[in-house]
Amino acid sequence: MKSNPLRGRAGFTLIELMAVVVIIVILATLVVAGMGFAQEKQNRDSAKTQIALLAKAIEEYKLDMGKYPGKVDNTPAAGSGVSSELYEALFFEGYTASNSGTANADAASKIYLAELDPRSTKMTWVTTTKSDTPPSSTKIKDPWDVEYRYRKGTNAQNPDFDLWSCGKNGKTDPSSAKLTGDNKDDIRNF
């Protein structure tokens, strides 16, 4: 009697293959969850850095101009809709003055935060594609693509100014100083 040489070789059973597939799926799930956590941590760290840069530039602006940026003394309590004024004061006025061809030693011709240049920055926190776009259409946005909030005057909780990101959920309650509810993921300078 002749024996078949292939018959004696062992192979994987269906249960062994299913166990391998389940292990691969579990490992893939852990990697994807870890990447989401890492991305969220990176966004929070970026927002903290951007707020620190903006706050420093705002303070430098006040030293030169004698007041904080903004068209009115008391900005809205919600702090929304004024990031274009920050862009204008901290970058746009200095950019247009330096590109006008005239030698102007005026403090308004200073660029306070070069990272706001939409043409050269790797930080994607300015919504325009050109730096000669009118400031009223330019917003400074956080890593979650939500406009930074800024307020000064009697509506501010800080003696100087308030600057914050609404965080991942994009919601905030500017009247509350507590980091609960809609404010639980806010990143603030106050």
Protein backbone atom coordinates (compact mmCIF):
# COMPACT_ATOMS: atom_id res chain seq x y z
CA MET A 1 0.00 0.00 0.00
CA LYS A 2 1.27 3.39 -0.99
CA SER A 3 0.97 6.32 1.40
CA ASN A 4 0.24 9.87 0.32
CA PRO A 5 3.10 12.18 1.41
CA LEU A 6 0.72 15.17 1.77
CA ARG A 7 -1.62 13.37 4.15
CA GLY A 8 0.71 13.40 7.13
CA ARG A 9 1.30 17.20 7.09
CA ALA A 10 -0.56 19.19 9.67
CA GLY A 11 -2.24 22.55 8.83
CA PHE A 12 -4.03 25.29 10.73
CA THR A 13 -7.50 24.50 11.90
CA LEU A 14 -10.36 26.94 11.47
CA ILE A 15 -10.34 27.72 15.20
CA GLU A 16 -6.63 28.57 15.14
CA LEU A 17 -7.12 30.91 12.18
CA MET A 18 -10.08 32.60 13.89
CA ALA A 19 -7.99 33.11 17.06
CA VAL A 20 -5.25 34.81 15.03
CA VAL A 21 -7.78 37.08 13.30
CA VAL A 22 -9.34 38.05 16.66
CA ILE A 23 -5.90 38.90 18.10
CA ILE A 24 -5.09 41.06 15.06
CA VAL A 25 -8.42 42.91 15.36
CA ILE A 26 -7.83 43.56 19.08
CA LEU A 27 -4.32 44.89 18.42
CA ALA A 28 -5.56 47.11 15.58
CA THR A 29 -8.29 48.54 17.84
CA LEU A 30 -5.72 49.38 20.51
CA VAL A 31 -3.47 51.11 17.97
CA VAL A 32 -6.34 53.18 16.51
CA ALA A 33 -7.53 54.20 20.00
CA GLY A 34 -3.97 55.14 20.96
CA MET A 35 -3.60 57.25 17.83
CA GLY A 36 -6.82 59.12 18.64
CA PHE A 37 -5.55 59.82 22.16
CA ALA A 38 -2.19 61.00 20.80
CA GLN A 39 -3.90 63.29 18.27
CA GLU A 40 -6.09 64.82 20.98
CA LYS A 41 -3.05 65.41 23.21
CA GLN A 42 -1.22 67.01 20.29
CA ASN A 43 -4.21 69.32 19.62
CA ARG A 44 -4.38 70.36 23.29
CA ASP A 45 -0.62 71.04 23.39
CA SER A 46 -0.85 73.05 20.14
CA ALA A 47 -3.71 75.14 21.55
CA LYS A 48 -1.74 75.84 24.74
CA THR A 49 1.28 76.91 22.69
CA GLN A 50 -0.81 79.10 20.38
CA ILE A 51 -2.54 80.78 23.33
CA ALA A 52 0.85 81.48 24.94
CA LEU A 53 2.16 82.98 21.66
CA LEU A 54 -0.96 85.09 21.20
CA ALA A 55 -0.90 86.29 24.82
CA LYS A 56 2.76 87.32 24.52
CA ALA A 57 2.07 89.19 21.28
CA ILE A 58 -0.97 90.91 22.84
CA GLU A 59 1.18 92.07 25.77
CA GLU A 60 3.87 93.39 23.38
CA TYR A 61 1.17 95.24 21.46
CA LYS A 62 -0.06 96.86 24.68
CA LEU A 63 3.47 97.96 25.57
CA ASP A 64 3.83 99.69 22.19
CA MET A 65 0.31 101.06 21.73
CA GLY A 66 -0.77 101.67 25.33
CA LYS A 67 -3.92 99.54 25.00
CA TYR A 68 -4.90 96.00 24.17
CA PRO A 69 -5.86 95.15 20.57
CA GLY A 70 -9.48 95.57 19.58
CA LYS A 71 -11.67 98.30 18.17
CA VAL A 72 -13.77 98.79 21.30
CA ASP A 73 -12.75 99.11 24.94
CA ASN A 74 -15.17 96.40 26.08
CA THR A 75 -15.31 93.44 23.72
CA PRO A 76 -18.35 91.12 23.79
CA ALA A 77 -18.61 88.86 26.83
CA ALA A 78 -18.81 85.81 24.58
CA GLY A 79 -15.43 86.74 23.10
CA SER A 80 -16.50 85.60 19.65
CA GLY A 81 -16.05 87.42 16.37
CA VAL A 82 -12.98 89.40 17.43
CA SER A 83 -10.13 87.14 16.32
CA SER A 84 -10.05 89.11 13.06
CA GLU A 85 -9.23 92.21 15.12
CA LEU A 86 -6.37 90.31 16.74
CA TYR A 87 -5.11 89.24 13.31
CA GLU A 88 -5.25 92.83 12.09
CA ALA A 89 -3.40 94.23 15.11
CA LEU A 90 -0.79 91.49 15.56
CA PHE A 91 0.10 90.75 11.94
CA PHE A 92 -1.80 92.45 9.12
CA GLU A 93 -1.04 96.10 9.92
CA GLY A 94 2.67 95.33 10.23
CA TYR A 95 2.66 93.26 7.04
CA THR A 96 0.96 95.92 4.93
CA ALA A 97 3.18 98.67 6.36
CA SER A 98 6.37 96.70 5.70
CA ASN A 99 5.28 95.94 2.12
CA SER A 100 4.16 99.48 1.30
CA GLY A 101 7.69 100.53 0.36
CA THR A 102 7.76 103.46 2.76
CA ALA A 103 9.99 103.65 5.77
CA ASN A 104 7.57 104.00 8.64
CA ALA A 105 8.89 103.78 12.18
CA ASP A 106 5.35 103.83 13.54
CA ALA A 107 4.59 101.10 16.12
CA ALA A 108 1.62 99.98 14.03
CA SER A 109 4.05 98.78 11.35
CA LYS A 110 5.40 96.08 13.65
CA ILE A 111 4.57 92.43 13.10
CA TYR A 112 3.92 91.10 16.60
CA LEU A 113 3.34 87.47 15.67
CA ALA A 114 4.97 86.29 12.44
CA GLU A 115 3.37 82.85 12.87
CA LEU A 116 0.08 84.43 11.75
CA ASP A 117 1.43 84.75 8.19
CA PRO A 118 -0.80 82.36 6.20
CA ARG A 119 1.81 82.06 3.42
CA SER A 120 4.75 80.80 5.44
CA THR A 121 3.53 79.27 8.68
CA LYS A 122 3.19 75.55 9.15
CA MET A 123 0.64 76.14 11.91
CA THR A 124 -2.78 76.11 10.27
CA TRP A 125 -4.45 78.64 12.51
CA VAL A 126 -5.20 81.39 10.02
CA THR A 127 -8.09 80.83 7.61
CA THR A 128 -6.93 82.94 4.65
CA THR A 129 -4.61 81.84 1.87
CA LYS A 130 -2.96 85.21 1.31
CA SER A 131 -1.64 87.70 3.82
CA ASP A 132 -3.05 90.62 1.82
CA THR A 133 -6.63 89.48 2.46
CA PRO A 134 -8.71 92.03 4.37
CA PRO A 135 -8.49 91.29 8.09
CA SER A 136 -12.26 91.29 8.56
CA SER A 137 -12.44 87.97 6.69
CA THR A 138 -9.50 86.43 8.54
CA LYS A 139 -10.04 84.31 11.63
CA ILE A 140 -7.48 82.86 14.01
CA LYS A 141 -8.58 79.28 14.66
CA ASP A 142 -7.60 76.63 17.17
CA PRO A 143 -6.54 73.05 16.26
CA TRP A 144 -10.22 72.01 16.17
CA ASP A 145 -10.94 74.68 13.53
CA VAL A 146 -12.94 76.90 15.91
CA GLU A 147 -12.21 80.61 16.28
CA TYR A 148 -10.21 81.62 19.35
CA ARG A 149 -12.15 83.74 21.83
CA TYR A 150 -10.80 87.07 23.10
CA ARG A 151 -12.28 89.69 25.38
CA LYS A 152 -11.01 92.71 27.26
CA GLY A 153 -12.43 95.47 29.40
CA THR A 154 -15.25 95.07 31.90
CA ASN A 155 -16.39 91.73 30.41
CA ALA A 156 -13.02 90.07 31.00
CA GLN A 157 -12.49 87.89 34.06
CA ASN A 158 -8.75 88.65 34.04
CA PRO A 159 -7.68 92.20 34.86
CA ASP A 160 -6.02 92.41 31.43
CA PHE A 161 -7.72 90.19 28.84
CA ASP A 162 -9.17 86.71 28.40
CA LEU A 163 -8.04 84.42 25.61
CA TRP A 164 -9.30 80.87 25.17
CA SER A 165 -10.09 77.94 22.93
CA CYS A 166 -13.45 76.20 23.16
CA GLY A 167 -11.69 72.84 22.94
CA LYS A 168 -12.74 69.73 21.10
CA ASN A 169 -16.49 70.14 21.66
CA GLY A 170 -16.46 73.71 20.26
CA LYS A 171 -18.74 74.91 23.06
CA THR A 172 -18.09 77.33 25.89
CA ASP A 173 -19.93 79.21 28.60
CA PRO A 174 -17.95 82.45 28.87
CA SER A 175 -19.88 83.62 31.92
CA SER A 176 -18.54 80.75 34.04
CA ALA A 177 -14.99 80.57 35.34
CA LYS A 178 -15.43 76.90 36.23
CA LEU A 179 -14.16 74.20 33.86
CA THR A 180 -17.35 72.13 33.96
CA GLY A 181 -20.14 71.43 31.48
CA ASP A 182 -19.45 73.13 28.15
CA ASN A 183 -16.18 74.50 29.59
CA LYS A 184 -14.66 71.16 30.63
CA ASP A 185 -12.33 71.00 27.61
CA ASP A 186 -11.65 74.74 27.26
CA ILE A 187 -8.03 75.87 27.18
CA ARG A 188 -7.71 79.31 28.78
CA ASN A 189 -5.26 81.95 29.89
CA PHE A 190 -7.48 82.73 32.89
